[in-house]
């Protein structure tokens, strides 16, 4: 993202804010037209979801000049979306729905340079989210493997302890001194 692209996104976003509820409606309608299977990832009443979307976009747009604050927040968002069931391929559809929403919402003010700027910003944000989600999934898989190994070792230890308890019980019953 260049400083000019950031400026174009921030200026055009100011024009979206007054129509935020309508923009959210356009976005979800477009998203579900593009991929009806995505409806299962969202609540039936999208009013609150639309507010969350617009709030998240507002925060991201405001923080474009502060990547040290933006990137960690976007990474957390990517991990959270993984928990919601978001897959990597969904990001392209979301990006297309966002661009379509901006096209409709901004009309003639959604110029080719503004479109390129939004595309660059979305690519940066989505790539950050995808990378964070993939890293988190990989860490979880490694953690699960470690937990399975630990469980197997615990089972072996438990089996060894059970054997020791049985041997001790046998010795105690026999009342035989064992040296």
Foldseek 3Di string as FASTA:
>chain_A
DDPVLLVLQLVLLVLCVVVQQVLLVQLVVQLCVVPVVCPVLDDPDCNVVSVVVNVLVVVLSVCVVPCVVNLVVLLVVLQVVVVSVDDLVSLVSSLVSNLVSSCVSVPPSCDPSNSVSSSVSSVVSSVSSNVSNVVVVVVVVVVVVVVVVVVVVVVVVVVVVVVVVVVVVVCVVVVDDDD
